Amino acid sequence: MQKIFLALLIGGFIMTGTFAKTAVVYFSATGTTERMAKNAAQVLGADVIEIESVHKYTSADLNWNDKKSLSSIECNDSKSRPAIANKIDISTYDTVILCYPIWWAYAPKIVYTFAESQNWSGKKLITLCTSGGSGLGRSGSDLAKFAKGVDFKGGRDFTRGSASDIKKYVEGLLK
């Protein structure tokens, strides 16, 4: 009887996708996106992975009013790919929820570094952002072009959304 119960239980987990692994991967320079990503990971029961920049961005680096600030220079250079300090391996995940701030209507270039450095074959990608005003724009679909082989499900700005809103949105995309 125990074996039958165990087989039914395992079968149910497989059928409902409980064994599907999800990672919330995020880049945050100020902590806003980090909070959103960690809240999302918690309500989704997902692993959380930070994209750590070799260069730690200062407030001067993030000054969008200064054309010589590091973030301005990176955003104006389509080939810019800042280095990632930590090794990130998404090979064991079925779904990656990629979280990032919006800089000048785009994802920061380090997020492109991440997208280009992974094997996306057979994986689903959802993008979530935080923004001071411009919203997600086409940043998600732009990133999906650099994540070769990915099944891009969609993206949304969750600057003011709750963790339960994120859960509802993600679950809707994965149905």
C-alpha atoms as a PDB file:
ATOM      1  CA  MET A   1       0.000   0.000   0.000  1.00  0.00           C
ATOM      2  CA  GLN A   2       2.846   2.401   0.837  1.00  0.00           C
ATOM      3  CA  LYS A   3       4.466   1.731  -2.546  1.00  0.00           C
ATOM      4  CA  ILE A   4       1.218   2.515  -4.355  1.00  0.00           C
ATOM      5  CA  PHE A   5       0.778   5.722  -2.365  1.00  0.00           C
ATOM      6  CA  LEU A   6       4.385   6.747  -3.044  1.00  0.00           C
ATOM      7  CA  ALA A   7       3.998   6.017  -6.775  1.00  0.00           C
ATOM      8  CA  LEU A   8       0.789   8.087  -6.914  1.00  0.00           C
ATOM      9  CA  LEU A   9       2.437  10.917  -4.987  1.00  0.00           C
ATOM     10  CA  ILE A  10       5.484  11.004  -7.268  1.00  0.00           C
ATOM     11  CA  GLY A  11       3.271  10.731 -10.353  1.00  0.00           C
ATOM     12  CA  GLY A  12       1.201  13.671  -9.109  1.00  0.00           C
ATOM     13  CA  PHE A  13       4.311  15.762  -8.609  1.00  0.00           C
ATOM     14  CA  ILE A  14       5.485  14.982 -12.120  1.00  0.00           C
ATOM     15  CA  MET A  15       2.066  15.731 -13.628  1.00  0.00           C
ATOM     16  CA  THR A  16       1.744  19.072 -11.827  1.00  0.00           C
ATOM     17  CA  GLY A  17       5.273  20.180 -12.637  1.00  0.00           C
ATOM     18  CA  THR A  18       6.374  20.301  -9.001  1.00  0.00           C
ATOM     19  CA  PHE A  19       9.747  18.896 -10.007  1.00  0.00           C
ATOM     20  CA  ALA A  20      10.215  21.655 -12.591  1.00  0.00           C
ATOM     21  CA  LYS A  21      13.006  23.857 -11.319  1.00  0.00           C
ATOM     22  CA  THR A  22      12.783  27.607 -11.452  1.00  0.00           C
ATOM     23  CA  ALA A  23      15.496  30.155 -10.786  1.00  0.00           C
ATOM     24  CA  VAL A  24      15.021  33.850 -10.184  1.00  0.00           C
ATOM     25  CA  VAL A  25      18.194  35.462 -11.506  1.00  0.00           C
ATOM     26  CA  TYR A  26      18.629  39.155 -10.822  1.00  0.00           C
ATOM     27  CA  PHE A  27      20.898  42.145 -11.168  1.00  0.00           C
ATOM     28  CA  SER A  28      20.400  45.078  -8.813  1.00  0.00           C
ATOM     29  CA  ALA A  29      22.583  48.136  -8.349  1.00  0.00           C
ATOM     30  CA  THR A  30      20.549  49.871  -5.634  1.00  0.00           C
ATOM     31  CA  GLY A  31      18.611  47.089  -3.882  1.00  0.00           C
ATOM     32  CA  THR A  32      15.177  47.774  -5.399  1.00  0.00           C
ATOM     33  CA  THR A  33      15.324  44.933  -7.916  1.00  0.00           C
ATOM     34  CA  GLU A  34      16.960  42.656  -5.345  1.00  0.00           C
ATOM     35  CA  ARG A  35      13.960  43.049  -3.004  1.00  0.00           C
ATOM     36  CA  MET A  36      11.505  42.333  -5.818  1.00  0.00           C
ATOM     37  CA  ALA A  37      13.476  39.291  -7.000  1.00  0.00           C
ATOM     38  CA  LYS A  38      13.827  37.772  -3.538  1.00  0.00           C
ATOM     39  CA  ASN A  39      10.118  38.275  -2.836  1.00  0.00           C
ATOM     40  CA  ALA A  40       9.279  36.626  -6.162  1.00  0.00           C
ATOM     41  CA  ALA A  41      11.572  33.678  -5.439  1.00  0.00           C
ATOM     42  CA  GLN A  42      10.008  33.188  -2.037  1.00  0.00           C
ATOM     43  CA  VAL A  43       6.388  33.069  -3.248  1.00  0.00           C
ATOM     44  CA  LEU A  44       7.321  30.908  -6.244  1.00  0.00           C
ATOM     45  CA  GLY A  45       9.473  28.473  -4.266  1.00  0.00           C
ATOM     46  CA  ALA A  46      12.329  29.216  -6.672  1.00  0.00           C
ATOM     47  CA  ASP A  47      16.063  29.424  -6.192  1.00  0.00           C
ATOM     48  CA  VAL A  48      17.496  32.936  -6.256  1.00  0.00           C
ATOM     49  CA  ILE A  49      20.779  33.823  -7.978  1.00  0.00           C
ATOM     50  CA  GLU A  50      22.407  37.240  -8.086  1.00  0.00           C
ATOM     51  CA  ILE A  51      24.331  38.525 -11.094  1.00  0.00           C
ATOM     52  CA  GLU A  52      27.287  40.157  -9.364  1.00  0.00           C
ATOM     53  CA  SER A  53      29.186  42.791 -11.284  1.00  0.00           C
ATOM     54  CA  VAL A  54      32.986  42.897 -11.142  1.00  0.00           C
ATOM     55  CA  HIS A  55      32.535  46.657 -10.801  1.00  0.00           C
ATOM     56  CA  LYS A  56      30.312  47.736  -7.903  1.00  0.00           C
ATOM     57  CA  TYR A  57      28.227  50.653  -9.151  1.00  0.00           C
ATOM     58  CA  THR A  58      28.396  53.823  -7.061  1.00  0.00           C
ATOM     59  CA  SER A  59      25.799  56.584  -7.070  1.00  0.00           C
ATOM     60  CA  ALA A  60      28.134  58.547  -9.376  1.00  0.00           C
ATOM     61  CA  ASP A  61      28.230  55.568 -11.782  1.00  0.00           C
ATOM     62  CA  LEU A  62      24.417  55.545 -11.852  1.00  0.00           C
ATOM     63  CA  ASN A  63      23.954  59.285 -12.424  1.00  0.00           C
ATOM     64  CA  TRP A  64      21.857  59.355 -15.592  1.00  0.00           C
ATOM     65  CA  ASN A  65      22.296  63.149 -15.810  1.00  0.00           C
ATOM     66  CA  ASP A  66      26.042  62.708 -16.313  1.00  0.00           C
ATOM     67  CA  LYS A  67      26.910  61.560 -19.833  1.00  0.00           C
ATOM     68  CA  LYS A  68      30.284  60.399 -18.514  1.00  0.00           C
ATOM     69  CA  SER A  69      28.846  58.174 -15.764  1.00  0.00           C
ATOM     70  CA  LEU A  70      29.613  54.479 -16.150  1.00  0.00           C
ATOM     71  CA  SER A  71      25.983  53.471 -16.647  1.00  0.00           C
ATOM     72  CA  SER A  72      25.513  56.189 -19.309  1.00  0.00           C
ATOM     73  CA  ILE A  73      28.614  55.028 -21.163  1.00  0.00           C
ATOM     74  CA  GLU A  74      27.507  51.369 -21.002  1.00  0.00           C
ATOM     75  CA  CYS A  75      23.965  52.150 -22.130  1.00  0.00           C
ATOM     76  CA  ASN A  76      25.203  54.147 -25.106  1.00  0.00           C
ATOM     77  CA  ASP A  77      27.502  51.349 -26.287  1.00  0.00           C
ATOM     78  CA  SER A  78      25.549  48.459 -27.832  1.00  0.00           C
ATOM     79  CA  LYS A  79      28.638  46.241 -27.615  1.00  0.00           C
ATOM     80  CA  SER A  80      29.271  46.897 -23.922  1.00  0.00           C
ATOM     81  CA  ARG A  81      29.268  43.684 -21.887  1.00  0.00           C
ATOM     82  CA  PRO A  82      30.394  44.323 -18.293  1.00  0.00           C
ATOM     83  CA  ALA A  83      32.046  41.367 -16.593  1.00  0.00           C
ATOM     84  CA  ILE A  84      30.177  39.156 -14.146  1.00  0.00           C
ATOM     85  CA  ALA A  85      32.069  38.376 -10.930  1.00  0.00           C
ATOM     86  CA  ASN A  86      30.331  35.098 -10.055  1.00  0.00           C
ATOM     87  CA  LYS A  87      29.845  31.913 -12.052  1.00  0.00           C
ATOM     88  CA  ILE A  88      26.185  31.287 -12.840  1.00  0.00           C
ATOM     89  CA  ASP A  89      24.949  27.944 -14.147  1.00  0.00           C
ATOM     90  CA  ILE A  90      21.303  27.636 -15.173  1.00  0.00           C
ATOM     91  CA  SER A  91      21.682  24.145 -16.650  1.00  0.00           C
ATOM     92  CA  THR A  92      19.541  22.492 -13.954  1.00  0.00           C
ATOM     93  CA  TYR A  93      16.609  24.898 -14.347  1.00  0.00           C
ATOM     94  CA  ASP A  94      13.586  24.624 -16.624  1.00  0.00           C
ATOM     95  CA  THR A  95      12.454  28.228 -16.147  1.00  0.00           C
ATOM     96  CA  VAL A  96      14.490  31.355 -15.494  1.00  0.00           C
ATOM     97  CA  ILE A  97      12.841  34.522 -14.256  1.00  0.00           C
ATOM     98  CA  LEU A  98      15.290  37.291 -15.070  1.00  0.00           C
ATOM     99  CA  CYS A  99      14.904  40.453 -12.962  1.00  0.00           C
ATOM    100  CA  TYR A 100      16.637  43.752 -13.607  1.00  0.00           C
ATOM    101  CA  PRO A 101      16.228  47.519 -13.338  1.00  0.00           C
ATOM    102  CA  ILE A 102      15.489  49.584 -16.424  1.00  0.00           C
ATOM    103  CA  TRP A 103      18.290  51.944 -17.416  1.00  0.00           C
ATOM    104  CA  TRP A 104      17.490  54.369 -20.239  1.00  0.00           C
ATOM    105  CA  ALA A 105      14.600  52.126 -21.427  1.00  0.00           C
ATOM    106  CA  TYR A 106      16.783  48.982 -21.564  1.00  0.00           C
ATOM    107  CA  ALA A 107      18.152  46.290 -19.302  1.00  0.00           C
ATOM    108  CA  PRO A 108      21.649  47.062 -17.969  1.00  0.00           C
ATOM    109  CA  LYS A 109      24.358  45.686 -20.241  1.00  0.00           C
ATOM    110  CA  ILE A 110      25.517  43.203 -17.593  1.00  0.00           C
ATOM    111  CA  VAL A 111      22.163  41.445 -18.020  1.00  0.00           C
ATOM    112  CA  TYR A 112      23.042  41.020 -21.702  1.00  0.00           C
ATOM    113  CA  THR A 113      26.377  39.544 -20.603  1.00  0.00           C
ATOM    114  CA  PHE A 114      24.414  36.990 -18.581  1.00  0.00           C
ATOM    115  CA  ALA A 115      21.948  36.226 -21.392  1.00  0.00           C
ATOM    116  CA  GLU A 116      24.739  35.616 -23.896  1.00  0.00           C
ATOM    117  CA  SER A 117      26.772  33.438 -21.527  1.00  0.00           C
ATOM    118  CA  GLN A 118      24.162  30.730 -20.907  1.00  0.00           C
ATOM    119  CA  ASN A 119      22.838  27.701 -22.776  1.00  0.00           C
ATOM    120  CA  TRP A 120      19.113  28.462 -23.097  1.00  0.00           C
ATOM    121  CA  SER A 121      18.127  25.426 -25.138  1.00  0.00           C
ATOM    122  CA  GLY A 122      14.875  23.976 -23.798  1.00  0.00           C
ATOM    123  CA  LYS A 123      14.420  26.698 -21.180  1.00  0.00           C
ATOM    124  CA  LYS A 124      11.628  29.187 -20.572  1.00  0.00           C
ATOM    125  CA  LEU A 125      12.426  32.840 -19.867  1.00  0.00           C
ATOM    126  CA  ILE A 126      10.270  35.408 -18.109  1.00  0.00           C
ATOM    127  CA  THR A 127      11.577  38.925 -17.525  1.00  0.00           C
ATOM    128  CA  LEU A 128      10.548  41.186 -14.654  1.00  0.00           C
ATOM    129  CA  CYS A 129      11.828  44.696 -14.142  1.00  0.00           C
ATOM    130  CA  THR A 130      11.791  47.636 -11.806  1.00  0.00           C
ATOM    131  CA  SER A 131      11.660  51.083 -13.309  1.00  0.00           C
ATOM    132  CA  GLY A 132      11.606  54.697 -12.306  1.00  0.00           C
ATOM    133  CA  GLY A 133       9.207  55.514 -15.099  1.00  0.00           C
ATOM    134  CA  SER A 134       9.858  53.992 -18.509  1.00  0.00           C
ATOM    135  CA  GLY A 135       8.527  50.491 -17.769  1.00  0.00           C
ATOM    136  CA  LEU A 136       9.588  47.200 -19.344  1.00  0.00           C
ATOM    137  CA  GLY A 137       9.415  48.471 -22.914  1.00  0.00           C
ATOM    138  CA  ARG A 138      10.923  45.941 -25.272  1.00  0.00           C
ATOM    139  CA  SER A 139      13.753  44.995 -22.897  1.00  0.00           C
ATOM    140  CA  GLY A 140      12.439  41.466 -22.379  1.00  0.00           C
ATOM    141  CA  SER A 141      12.094  40.642 -26.058  1.00  0.00           C
ATOM    142  CA  ASP A 142      15.481  42.284 -26.717  1.00  0.00           C
ATOM    143  CA  LEU A 143      17.131  40.073 -24.102  1.00  0.00           C
ATOM    144  CA  ALA A 144      15.416  36.979 -25.515  1.00  0.00           C
ATOM    145  CA  LYS A 145      17.199  37.612 -28.841  1.00  0.00           C
ATOM    146  CA  PHE A 146      20.537  37.220 -27.031  1.00  0.00           C
ATOM    147  CA  ALA A 147      19.370  34.130 -25.109  1.00  0.00           C
ATOM    148  CA  LYS A 148      19.734  31.788 -28.072  1.00  0.00           C
ATOM    149  CA  GLY A 149      17.200  28.946 -28.112  1.00  0.00           C
ATOM    150  CA  VAL A 150      15.046  30.256 -25.257  1.00  0.00           C
ATOM    151  CA  ASP A 151      11.252  30.052 -25.144  1.00  0.00           C
ATOM    152  CA  PHE A 152      10.440  33.651 -24.164  1.00  0.00           C
ATOM    153  CA  LYS A 153       7.135  33.720 -22.295  1.00  0.00           C
ATOM    154  CA  GLY A 154       6.833  37.454 -21.633  1.00  0.00           C
ATOM    155  CA  GLY A 155       7.736  40.156 -19.190  1.00  0.00           C
ATOM    156  CA  ARG A 156       6.340  42.912 -17.051  1.00  0.00           C
ATOM    157  CA  ASP A 157       7.281  45.838 -14.822  1.00  0.00           C
ATOM    158  CA  PHE A 158       6.698  44.987 -11.161  1.00  0.00           C
ATOM    159  CA  THR A 159       8.078  48.141  -9.563  1.00  0.00           C
ATOM    160  CA  ARG A 160       4.873  48.574  -7.605  1.00  0.00           C
ATOM    161  CA  GLY A 161       3.494  45.028  -7.789  1.00  0.00           C
ATOM    162  CA  SER A 162       3.261  42.662  -4.848  1.00  0.00           C
ATOM    163  CA  ALA A 163       4.817  39.220  -4.572  1.00  0.00           C
ATOM    164  CA  SER A 164       1.371  37.647  -4.954  1.00  0.00           C
ATOM    165  CA  ASP A 165       0.849  39.694  -8.160  1.00  0.00           C
ATOM    166  CA  ILE A 166       4.137  38.308  -9.479  1.00  0.00           C
ATOM    167  CA  LYS A 167       3.132  34.749  -8.588  1.00  0.00           C
ATOM    168  CA  LYS A 168      -0.217  35.099 -10.365  1.00  0.00           C
ATOM    169  CA  TYR A 169       1.455  36.609 -13.439  1.00  0.00           C
ATOM    170  CA  VAL A 170       4.201  33.965 -13.684  1.00  0.00           C
ATOM    171  CA  GLU A 171       1.816  31.071 -13.129  1.00  0.00           C
ATOM    172  CA  GLY A 172      -0.440  32.481 -15.863  1.00  0.00           C
ATOM    173  CA  LEU A 173       2.449  32.593 -18.333  1.00  0.00           C
ATOM    174  CA  LEU A 174       3.500  29.026 -17.557  1.00  0.00           C
ATOM    175  CA  LYS A 175       0.045  27.444 -18.035  1.00  0.00           C
END
